[in-house]
Amino acid sequence: MSETQPSEIILVFASNTRILLAEELLEEGDLPYELIPVPKEVNPNCGLALSFSESDEGLIMPALHHADLWPEQAYLRKGEQFSELSLERPKG
């Protein structure tokens, strides 16, 4: 019997400063996330990214938008497969 791997969203920010601010915001809000190295499959440069379950997108993305910490890139990872997401920043 094979188990389905959960999907996760990976967010890449324009700078380490912005990702650390986003991490602080998510910590303060007790929101579920992990700080991970940017996967080489999406960006060969060194750096950090935020990772969280796809099911938590509705909690995390509004918090980042409200704090003006919108990511530069977003990816959906299912197992070893990555697909780029086009995230439209909400108005207002």
PDB file of N, CA and C in Angstrom:
ATOM      1  N   MET A   1       0.851  -1.170   0.000  1.00  0.00           N
ATOM      2  CA  MET A   1       0.000   0.000   0.000  1.00  0.00           C
ATOM      3  C   MET A   1       0.905   1.243   0.000  1.00  0.00           C
ATOM      4  N   SER A   2       0.664   2.178  -0.906  1.00  0.00           N
ATOM      5  CA  SER A   2       1.497   3.385  -0.963  1.00  0.00           C
ATOM      6  C   SER A   2       0.755   4.553  -0.325  1.00  0.00           C
ATOM      7  N   GLU A   3       1.510   5.342   0.417  1.00  0.00           N
ATOM      8  CA  GLU A   3       0.920   6.510   1.069  1.00  0.00           C
ATOM      9  C   GLU A   3       1.108   7.729   0.184  1.00  0.00           C
ATOM     10  N   THR A   4       0.114   8.591   0.173  1.00  0.00           N
ATOM     11  CA  THR A   4       0.220   9.839  -0.564  1.00  0.00           C
ATOM     12  C   THR A   4       0.991  10.826   0.282  1.00  0.00           C
ATOM     13  N   GLN A   5       2.021  11.428  -0.320  1.00  0.00           N
ATOM     14  CA  GLN A   5       2.797  12.417   0.414  1.00  0.00           C
ATOM     15  C   GLN A   5       2.043  13.731   0.445  1.00  0.00           C
ATOM     16  N   PRO A   6       2.065  14.409   1.590  1.00  0.00           N
ATOM     17  CA  PRO A   6       1.369  15.692   1.670  1.00  0.00           C
ATOM     18  C   PRO A   6       2.055  16.740   0.799  1.00  0.00           C
ATOM     19  N   SER A   7       1.273  17.649   0.280  1.00  0.00           N
ATOM     20  CA  SER A   7       1.821  18.735  -0.533  1.00  0.00           C
ATOM     21  C   SER A   7       2.250  19.860   0.385  1.00  0.00           C
ATOM     22  N   GLU A   8       3.326  20.519   0.003  1.00  0.00           N
ATOM     23  CA  GLU A   8       3.755  21.666   0.777  1.00  0.00           C
ATOM     24  C   GLU A   8       4.043  22.833  -0.148  1.00  0.00           C
ATOM     25  N   ILE A   9       3.942  24.013   0.405  1.00  0.00           N
ATOM     26  CA  ILE A   9       4.240  25.233  -0.329  1.00  0.00           C
ATOM     27  C   ILE A   9       5.580  25.753   0.164  1.00  0.00           C
ATOM     28  N   ILE A  10       6.411  26.165  -0.780  1.00  0.00           N
ATOM     29  CA  ILE A  10       7.725  26.719  -0.471  1.00  0.00           C
ATOM     30  C   ILE A  10       7.747  28.150  -0.982  1.00  0.00           C
ATOM     31  N   LEU A  11       8.074  29.082  -0.090  1.00  0.00           N
ATOM     32  CA  LEU A  11       8.129  30.502  -0.438  1.00  0.00           C
ATOM     33  C   LEU A  11       9.566  30.989  -0.423  1.00  0.00           C
ATOM     34  N   VAL A  12       9.949  31.689  -1.497  1.00  0.00           N
ATOM     35  CA  VAL A  12      11.282  32.273  -1.622  1.00  0.00           C
ATOM     36  C   VAL A  12      11.112  33.789  -1.596  1.00  0.00           C
ATOM     37  N   PHE A  13      11.919  34.452  -0.784  1.00  0.00           N
ATOM     38  CA  PHE A  13      11.830  35.900  -0.613  1.00  0.00           C
ATOM     39  C   PHE A  13      13.015  36.594  -1.276  1.00  0.00           C
ATOM     40  N   ALA A  14      12.895  37.902  -1.457  1.00  0.00           N
ATOM     41  CA  ALA A  14      13.908  38.688  -2.164  1.00  0.00           C
ATOM     42  C   ALA A  14      15.206  38.834  -1.376  1.00  0.00           C
ATOM     43  N   SER A  15      15.137  38.687  -0.052  1.00  0.00           N
ATOM     44  CA  SER A  15      16.350  38.859   0.751  1.00  0.00           C
ATOM     45  C   SER A  15      16.240  38.051   2.039  1.00  0.00           C
ATOM     46  N   ASN A  16      17.380  37.791   2.656  1.00  0.00           N
ATOM     47  CA  ASN A  16      17.379  37.109   3.951  1.00  0.00           C
ATOM     48  C   ASN A  16      16.669  37.932   5.002  1.00  0.00           C
ATOM     49  N   THR A  17      16.791  39.249   4.917  1.00  0.00           N
ATOM     50  CA  THR A  17      16.111  40.117   5.878  1.00  0.00           C
ATOM     51  C   THR A  17      14.611  39.894   5.824  1.00  0.00           C
ATOM     52  N   ARG A  18      14.045  39.840   4.611  1.00  0.00           N
ATOM     53  CA  ARG A  18      12.591  39.662   4.473  1.00  0.00           C
ATOM     54  C   ARG A  18      12.139  38.284   4.955  1.00  0.00           C
ATOM     55  N   ILE A  19      12.933  37.265   4.698  1.00  0.00           N
ATOM     56  CA  ILE A  19      12.517  35.933   5.155  1.00  0.00           C
ATOM     57  C   ILE A  19      12.590  35.839   6.675  1.00  0.00           C
ATOM     58  N   LEU A  20      13.579  36.493   7.274  1.00  0.00           N
ATOM     59  CA  LEU A  20      13.670  36.478   8.736  1.00  0.00           C
ATOM     60  C   LEU A  20      12.526  37.262   9.375  1.00  0.00           C
ATOM     61  N   LEU A  21      12.104  38.348   8.733  1.00  0.00           N
ATOM     62  CA  LEU A  21      10.926  39.084   9.214  1.00  0.00           C
ATOM     63  C   LEU A  21       9.669  38.216   9.093  1.00  0.00           C
ATOM     64  N   ALA A  22       9.556  37.494   7.980  1.00  0.00           N
ATOM     65  CA  ALA A  22       8.405  36.601   7.790  1.00  0.00           C
ATOM     66  C   ALA A  22       8.421  35.491   8.835  1.00  0.00           C
ATOM     67  N   GLU A  23       9.606  34.950   9.109  1.00  0.00           N
ATOM     68  CA  GLU A  23       9.716  33.904  10.131  1.00  0.00           C
ATOM     69  C   GLU A  23       9.270  34.441  11.495  1.00  0.00           C
ATOM     70  N   GLU A  24       9.719  35.638  11.836  1.00  0.00           N
ATOM     71  CA  GLU A  24       9.343  36.250  13.110  1.00  0.00           C
ATOM     72  C   GLU A  24       7.821  36.430  13.194  1.00  0.00           C
ATOM     73  N   LEU A  25       7.218  36.899  12.111  1.00  0.00           N
ATOM     74  CA  LEU A  25       5.768  37.083  12.072  1.00  0.00           C
ATOM     75  C   LEU A  25       5.038  35.765  12.298  1.00  0.00           C
ATOM     76  N   LEU A  26       5.464  34.709  11.615  1.00  0.00           N
ATOM     77  CA  LEU A  26       4.803  33.419  11.748  1.00  0.00           C
ATOM     78  C   LEU A  26       5.006  32.831  13.141  1.00  0.00           C
ATOM     79  N   GLU A  27       6.193  33.041  13.719  1.00  0.00           N
ATOM     80  CA  GLU A  27       6.449  32.597  15.098  1.00  0.00           C
ATOM     81  C   GLU A  27       5.503  33.284  16.065  1.00  0.00           C
ATOM     82  N   GLU A  28       5.404  34.607  15.945  1.00  0.00           N
ATOM     83  CA  GLU A  28       4.541  35.382  16.844  1.00  0.00           C
ATOM     84  C   GLU A  28       3.079  34.963  16.724  1.00  0.00           C
ATOM     85  N   GLY A  29       2.676  34.609  15.508  1.00  0.00           N
ATOM     86  CA  GLY A  29       1.293  34.182  15.290  1.00  0.00           C
ATOM     87  C   GLY A  29       1.068  32.704  15.555  1.00  0.00           C
ATOM     88  N   ASP A  30       2.109  32.008  15.998  1.00  0.00           N
ATOM     89  CA  ASP A  30       2.043  30.578  16.271  1.00  0.00           C
ATOM     90  C   ASP A  30       1.511  29.800  15.065  1.00  0.00           C
ATOM     91  N   LEU A  31       1.990  30.197  13.878  1.00  0.00           N
ATOM     92  CA  LEU A  31       1.573  29.551  12.640  1.00  0.00           C
ATOM     93  C   LEU A  31       2.579  28.465  12.262  1.00  0.00           C
ATOM     94  N   PRO A  32       2.109  27.363  11.681  1.00  0.00           N
ATOM     95  CA  PRO A  32       2.979  26.229  11.372  1.00  0.00           C
ATOM     96  C   PRO A  32       3.817  26.475  10.110  1.00  0.00           C
ATOM     97  N   TYR A  33       5.127  26.354  10.237  1.00  0.00           N
ATOM     98  CA  TYR A  33       6.043  26.541   9.107  1.00  0.00           C
ATOM     99  C   TYR A  33       7.383  25.914   9.460  1.00  0.00           C
ATOM    100  N   GLU A  34       8.248  25.801   8.461  1.00  0.00           N
ATOM    101  CA  GLU A  34       9.635  25.407   8.664  1.00  0.00           C
ATOM    102  C   GLU A  34      10.511  26.355   7.861  1.00  0.00           C
ATOM    103  N   LEU A  35      11.654  26.685   8.396  1.00  0.00           N
ATOM    104  CA  LEU A  35      12.672  27.446   7.672  1.00  0.00           C
ATOM    105  C   LEU A  35      13.614  26.408   7.084  1.00  0.00           C
ATOM    106  N   ILE A  36      13.752  26.407   5.753  1.00  0.00           N
ATOM    107  CA  ILE A  36      14.546  25.375   5.070  1.00  0.00           C
ATOM    108  C   ILE A  36      15.507  26.028   4.083  1.00  0.00           C
ATOM    109  N   PRO A  37      16.549  25.311   3.677  1.00  0.00           N
ATOM    110  CA  PRO A  37      17.368  25.804   2.563  1.00  0.00           C
ATOM    111  C   PRO A  37      16.516  25.800   1.286  1.00  0.00           C
ATOM    112  N   VAL A  38      16.733  26.776   0.422  1.00  0.00           N
ATOM    113  CA  VAL A  38      15.998  26.794  -0.853  1.00  0.00           C
ATOM    114  C   VAL A  38      16.371  25.517  -1.620  1.00  0.00           C
ATOM    115  N   PRO A  39      15.382  24.718  -2.021  1.00  0.00           N
ATOM    116  CA  PRO A  39      15.696  23.499  -2.770  1.00  0.00           C
ATOM    117  C   PRO A  39      16.431  23.822  -4.068  1.00  0.00           C
ATOM    118  N   LYS A  40      17.471  23.071  -4.352  1.00  0.00           N
ATOM    119  CA  LYS A  40      18.262  23.324  -5.568  1.00  0.00           C
ATOM    120  C   LYS A  40      17.439  23.120  -6.835  1.00  0.00           C
ATOM    121  N   GLU A  41      16.338  22.384  -6.729  1.00  0.00           N
ATOM    122  CA  GLU A  41      15.474  22.168  -7.888  1.00  0.00           C
ATOM    123  C   GLU A  41      14.769  23.452  -8.331  1.00  0.00           C
ATOM    124  N   VAL A  42      14.614  24.418  -7.420  1.00  0.00           N
ATOM    125  CA  VAL A  42      13.912  25.650  -7.777  1.00  0.00           C
ATOM    126  C   VAL A  42      14.848  26.839  -7.893  1.00  0.00           C
ATOM    127  N   ASN A  43      16.002  26.791  -7.215  1.00  0.00           N
ATOM    128  CA  ASN A  43      16.961  27.887  -7.276  1.00  0.00           C
ATOM    129  C   ASN A  43      18.326  27.346  -6.869  1.00  0.00           C
ATOM    130  N   PRO A  44      19.293  27.366  -7.781  1.00  0.00           N
ATOM    131  CA  PRO A  44      20.601  26.781  -7.471  1.00  0.00           C
ATOM    132  C   PRO A  44      21.438  27.610  -6.495  1.00  0.00           C
ATOM    133  N   ASN A  45      21.029  28.847  -6.220  1.00  0.00           N
ATOM    134  CA  ASN A  45      21.772  29.688  -5.284  1.00  0.00           C
ATOM    135  C   ASN A  45      21.437  29.301  -3.854  1.00  0.00           C
ATOM    136  N   CYS A  46      22.349  29.629  -2.962  1.00  0.00           N
ATOM    137  CA  CYS A  46      22.100  29.388  -1.538  1.00  0.00           C
ATOM    138  C   CYS A  46      21.024  30.345  -1.043  1.00  0.00           C
ATOM    139  N   GLY A  47      20.385  29.991  -0.002  1.00  0.00           N
ATOM    140  CA  GLY A  47      19.388  30.866   0.587  1.00  0.00           C
ATOM    141  C   GLY A  47      18.425  30.072   1.433  1.00  0.00           C
ATOM    142  N   LEU A  48      17.516  30.784   2.041  1.00  0.00           N
ATOM    143  CA  LEU A  48      16.516  30.177   2.905  1.00  0.00           C
ATOM    144  C   LEU A  48      15.130  30.353   2.299  1.00  0.00           C
ATOM    145  N   ALA A  49      14.239  29.465   2.677  1.00  0.00           N
ATOM    146  CA  ALA A  49      12.857  29.519   2.209  1.00  0.00           C
ATOM    147  C   ALA A  49      11.948  29.133   3.368  1.00  0.00           C
ATOM    148  N   LEU A  50      10.701  29.495   3.253  1.00  0.00           N
ATOM    149  CA  LEU A  50       9.686  29.046   4.203  1.00  0.00           C
ATOM    150  C   LEU A  50       8.924  27.892   3.573  1.00  0.00           C
ATOM    151  N   SER A  51       8.628  26.897   4.361  1.00  0.00           N
ATOM    152  CA  SER A  51       7.881  25.742   3.897  1.00  0.00           C
ATOM    153  C   SER A  51       6.718  25.505   4.856  1.00  0.00           C
ATOM    154  N   PHE A  52       5.562  25.172   4.300  1.00  0.00           N
ATOM    155  CA  PHE A  52       4.401  24.853   5.132  1.00  0.00           C
ATOM    156  C   PHE A  52       3.441  23.989   4.333  1.00  0.00           C
ATOM    157  N   SER A  53       2.571  23.317   5.044  1.00  0.00           N
ATOM    158  CA  SER A  53       1.596  22.442   4.414  1.00  0.00           C
ATOM    159  C   SER A  53       0.652  23.261   3.529  1.00  0.00           C
ATOM    160  N   GLU A  54       0.304  22.690   2.403  1.00  0.00           N
ATOM    161  CA  GLU A  54      -0.632  23.363   1.497  1.00  0.00           C
ATOM    162  C   GLU A  54      -1.949  23.678   2.214  1.00  0.00           C
ATOM    163  N   SER A  55      -2.321  22.861   3.155  1.00  0.00           N
ATOM    164  CA  SER A  55      -3.581  23.079   3.880  1.00  0.00           C
ATOM    165  C   SER A  55      -3.537  24.316   4.779  1.00  0.00           C
ATOM    166  N   ASP A  56      -2.335  24.842   5.066  1.00  0.00           N
ATOM    167  CA  ASP A  56      -2.201  26.038   5.903  1.00  0.00           C
ATOM    168  C   ASP A  56      -2.070  27.330   5.096  1.00  0.00           C
ATOM    169  N   GLU A  57      -2.191  27.249   3.784  1.00  0.00           N
ATOM    170  CA  GLU A  57      -2.044  28.433   2.923  1.00  0.00           C
ATOM    171  C   GLU A  57      -3.008  29.548   3.340  1.00  0.00           C
ATOM    172  N   GLY A  58      -4.233  29.202   3.680  1.00  0.00           N
ATOM    173  CA  GLY A  58      -5.236  30.199   4.054  1.00  0.00           C
ATOM    174  C   GLY A  58      -4.930  30.932   5.347  1.00  0.00           C
ATOM    175  N   LEU A  59      -4.045  30.395   6.157  1.00  0.00           N
ATOM    176  CA  LEU A  59      -3.605  31.064   7.387  1.00  0.00           C
ATOM    177  C   LEU A  59      -2.362  31.918   7.139  1.00  0.00           C
ATOM    178  N   ILE A  60      -1.427  31.368   6.407  1.00  0.00           N
ATOM    179  CA  ILE A  60      -0.108  31.989   6.271  1.00  0.00           C
ATOM    180  C   ILE A  60      -0.083  33.121   5.250  1.00  0.00           C
ATOM    181  N   MET A  61      -0.680  32.919   4.095  1.00  0.00           N
ATOM    182  CA  MET A  61      -0.595  33.949   3.054  1.00  0.00           C
ATOM    183  C   MET A  61      -1.271  35.257   3.469  1.00  0.00           C
ATOM    184  N   PRO A  62      -2.461  35.228   4.100  1.00  0.00           N
ATOM    185  CA  PRO A  62      -3.046  36.497   4.555  1.00  0.00           C
ATOM    186  C   PRO A  62      -2.176  37.208   5.599  1.00  0.00           C
ATOM    187  N   ALA A  63      -1.539  36.447   6.482  1.00  0.00           N
ATOM    188  CA  ALA A  63      -0.660  37.061   7.491  1.00  0.00           C
ATOM    189  C   ALA A  63       0.521  37.752   6.824  1.00  0.00           C
ATOM    190  N   LEU A  64       1.125  37.113   5.813  1.00  0.00           N
ATOM    191  CA  LEU A  64       2.252  37.723   5.103  1.00  0.00           C
ATOM    192  C   LEU A  64       1.804  38.961   4.334  1.00  0.00           C
ATOM    193  N   HIS A  65       0.651  38.883   3.702  1.00  0.00           N
ATOM    194  CA  HIS A  65       0.121  40.031   2.957  1.00  0.00           C
ATOM    195  C   HIS A  65      -0.114  41.212   3.898  1.00  0.00           C
ATOM    196  N   HIS A  66      -0.746  40.955   5.018  1.00  0.00           N
ATOM    197  CA  HIS A  66      -1.062  42.017   5.975  1.00  0.00           C
ATOM    198  C   HIS A  66       0.209  42.702   6.495  1.00  0.00           C
ATOM    199  N   ALA A  67       1.298  41.933   6.623  1.00  0.00           N
ATOM    200  CA  ALA A  67       2.568  42.478   7.129  1.00  0.00           C
ATOM    201  C   ALA A  67       3.449  43.011   6.002  1.00  0.00           C
ATOM    202  N   ASP A  68       2.939  43.044   4.776  1.00  0.00           N
ATOM    203  CA  ASP A  68       3.695  43.494   3.605  1.00  0.00           C
ATOM    204  C   ASP A  68       4.982  42.684   3.416  1.00  0.00           C
ATOM    205  N   LEU A  69       4.864  41.359   3.582  1.00  0.00           N
ATOM    206  CA  LEU A  69       5.990  40.446   3.406  1.00  0.00           C
ATOM    207  C   LEU A  69       5.651  39.404   2.343  1.00  0.00           C
ATOM    208  N   TRP A  70       5.323  39.875   1.162  1.00  0.00           N
ATOM    209  CA  TRP A  70       4.922  38.980   0.087  1.00  0.00           C
ATOM    210  C   TRP A  70       6.154  38.304  -0.508  1.00  0.00           C
ATOM    211  N   PRO A  71       6.088  36.998  -0.788  1.00  0.00           N
ATOM    212  CA  PRO A  71       7.247  36.291  -1.342  1.00  0.00           C
ATOM    213  C   PRO A  71       7.503  36.667  -2.796  1.00  0.00           C
ATOM    214  N   GLU A  72       8.734  36.438  -3.213  1.00  0.00           N
ATOM    215  CA  GLU A  72       9.114  36.684  -4.599  1.00  0.00           C
ATOM    216  C   GLU A  72       8.705  35.517  -5.500  1.00  0.00           C
ATOM    217  N   GLN A  73       8.806  34.305  -4.970  1.00  0.00           N
ATOM    218  CA  GLN A  73       8.433  33.106  -5.722  1.00  0.00           C
ATOM    219  C   GLN A  73       7.762  32.126  -4.780  1.00  0.00           C
ATOM    220  N   ALA A  74       6.906  31.279  -5.348  1.00  0.00           N
ATOM    221  CA  ALA A  74       6.232  30.241  -4.564  1.00  0.00           C
ATOM    222  C   ALA A  74       6.181  28.965  -5.394  1.00  0.00           C
ATOM    223  N   TYR A  75       6.342  27.847  -4.718  1.00  0.00           N
ATOM    224  CA  TYR A  75       6.343  26.544  -5.375  1.00  0.00           C
ATOM    225  C   TYR A  75       5.495  25.572  -4.574  1.00  0.00           C
ATOM    226  N   LEU A  76       4.877  24.654  -5.301  1.00  0.00           N
ATOM    227  CA  LEU A  76       4.157  23.549  -4.688  1.00  0.00           C
ATOM    228  C   LEU A  76       5.032  22.319  -4.851  1.00  0.00           C
ATOM    229  N   ARG A  77       5.320  21.645  -3.736  1.00  0.00           N
ATOM    230  CA  ARG A  77       6.123  20.421  -3.801  1.00  0.00           C
ATOM    231  C   ARG A  77       5.237  19.252  -3.425  1.00  0.00           C
ATOM    232  N   LYS A  78       5.195  18.290  -4.338  1.00  0.00           N
ATOM    233  CA  LYS A  78       4.503  17.025  -4.091  1.00  0.00           C
ATOM    234  C   LYS A  78       5.556  15.946  -4.265  1.00  0.00           C
ATOM    235  N   GLY A  79       6.006  15.383  -3.157  1.00  0.00           N
ATOM    236  CA  GLY A  79       7.095  14.415  -3.221  1.00  0.00           C
ATOM    237  C   GLY A  79       8.352  15.102  -3.723  1.00  0.00           C
ATOM    238  N   GLU A  80       8.877  14.635  -4.844  1.00  0.00           N
ATOM    239  CA  GLU A  80      10.084  15.225  -5.432  1.00  0.00           C
ATOM    240  C   GLU A  80       9.758  16.181  -6.587  1.00  0.00           C
ATOM    241  N   GLN A  81       8.484  16.399  -6.857  1.00  0.00           N
ATOM    242  CA  GLN A  81       8.057  17.255  -7.962  1.00  0.00           C
ATOM    243  C   GLN A  81       7.764  18.666  -7.482  1.00  0.00           C
ATOM    244  N   PHE A  82       8.268  19.662  -8.219  1.00  0.00           N
ATOM    245  CA  PHE A  82       8.045  21.067  -7.903  1.00  0.00           C
ATOM    246  C   PHE A  82       7.305  21.726  -9.054  1.00  0.00           C
ATOM    247  N   SER A  83       6.328  22.543  -8.729  1.00  0.00           N
ATOM    248  CA  SER A  83       5.682  23.353  -9.758  1.00  0.00           C
ATOM    249  C   SER A  83       5.541  24.775  -9.208  1.00  0.00           C
ATOM    250  N   GLU A  84       5.870  25.741 -10.073  1.00  0.00           N
ATOM    251  CA  GLU A  84       5.804  27.138  -9.642  1.00  0.00           C
ATOM    252  C   GLU A  84       4.351  27.571  -9.537  1.00  0.00           C
ATOM    253  N   LEU A  85       4.048  28.301  -8.484  1.00  0.00           N
ATOM    254  CA  LEU A  85       2.708  28.844  -8.279  1.00  0.00           C
ATOM    255  C   LEU A  85       2.717  30.316  -8.661  1.00  0.00           C
ATOM    256  N   SER A  86       1.641  30.761  -9.255  1.00  0.00           N
ATOM    257  CA  SER A  86       1.534  32.197  -9.496  1.00  0.00           C
ATOM    258  C   SER A  86       0.606  32.740  -8.420  1.00  0.00           C
ATOM    259  N   LEU A  87       1.208  33.404  -7.465  1.00  0.00           N
ATOM    260  CA  LEU A  87       0.452  33.962  -6.349  1.00  0.00           C
ATOM    261  C   LEU A  87       0.143  35.420  -6.646  1.00  0.00           C
ATOM    262  N   GLU A  88      -1.112  35.729  -6.748  1.00  0.00           N
ATOM    263  CA  GLU A  88      -1.508  37.131  -6.935  1.00  0.00           C
ATOM    264  C   GLU A  88      -1.660  37.768  -5.573  1.00  0.00           C
ATOM    265  N   ARG A  89      -0.993  38.879  -5.429  1.00  0.00           N
ATOM    266  CA  ARG A  89      -1.087  39.598  -4.163  1.00  0.00           C
ATOM    267  C   ARG A  89      -2.474  40.218  -4.053  1.00  0.00           C
ATOM    268  N   PRO A  90      -3.160  39.987  -2.936  1.00  0.00           N
ATOM    269  CA  PRO A  90      -4.490  40.566  -2.770  1.00  0.00           C
ATOM    270  C   PRO A  90      -4.439  42.098  -2.801  1.00  0.00           C
ATOM    271  N   LYS A  91      -5.488  42.678  -3.264  1.00  0.00           N
ATOM    272  CA  LYS A  91      -5.586  44.152  -3.293  1.00  0.00           C
ATOM    273  C   LYS A  91      -5.928  44.649  -1.897  1.00  0.00           C
ATOM    274  N   GLY A  92      -5.421  45.839  -1.578  1.00  0.00           N
ATOM    275  CA  GLY A  92      -5.807  46.477  -0.320  1.00  0.00           C
ATOM    276  C   GLY A  92      -4.968  46.175   0.832  1.00  0.00           C
TER     277      GLY A  92
END
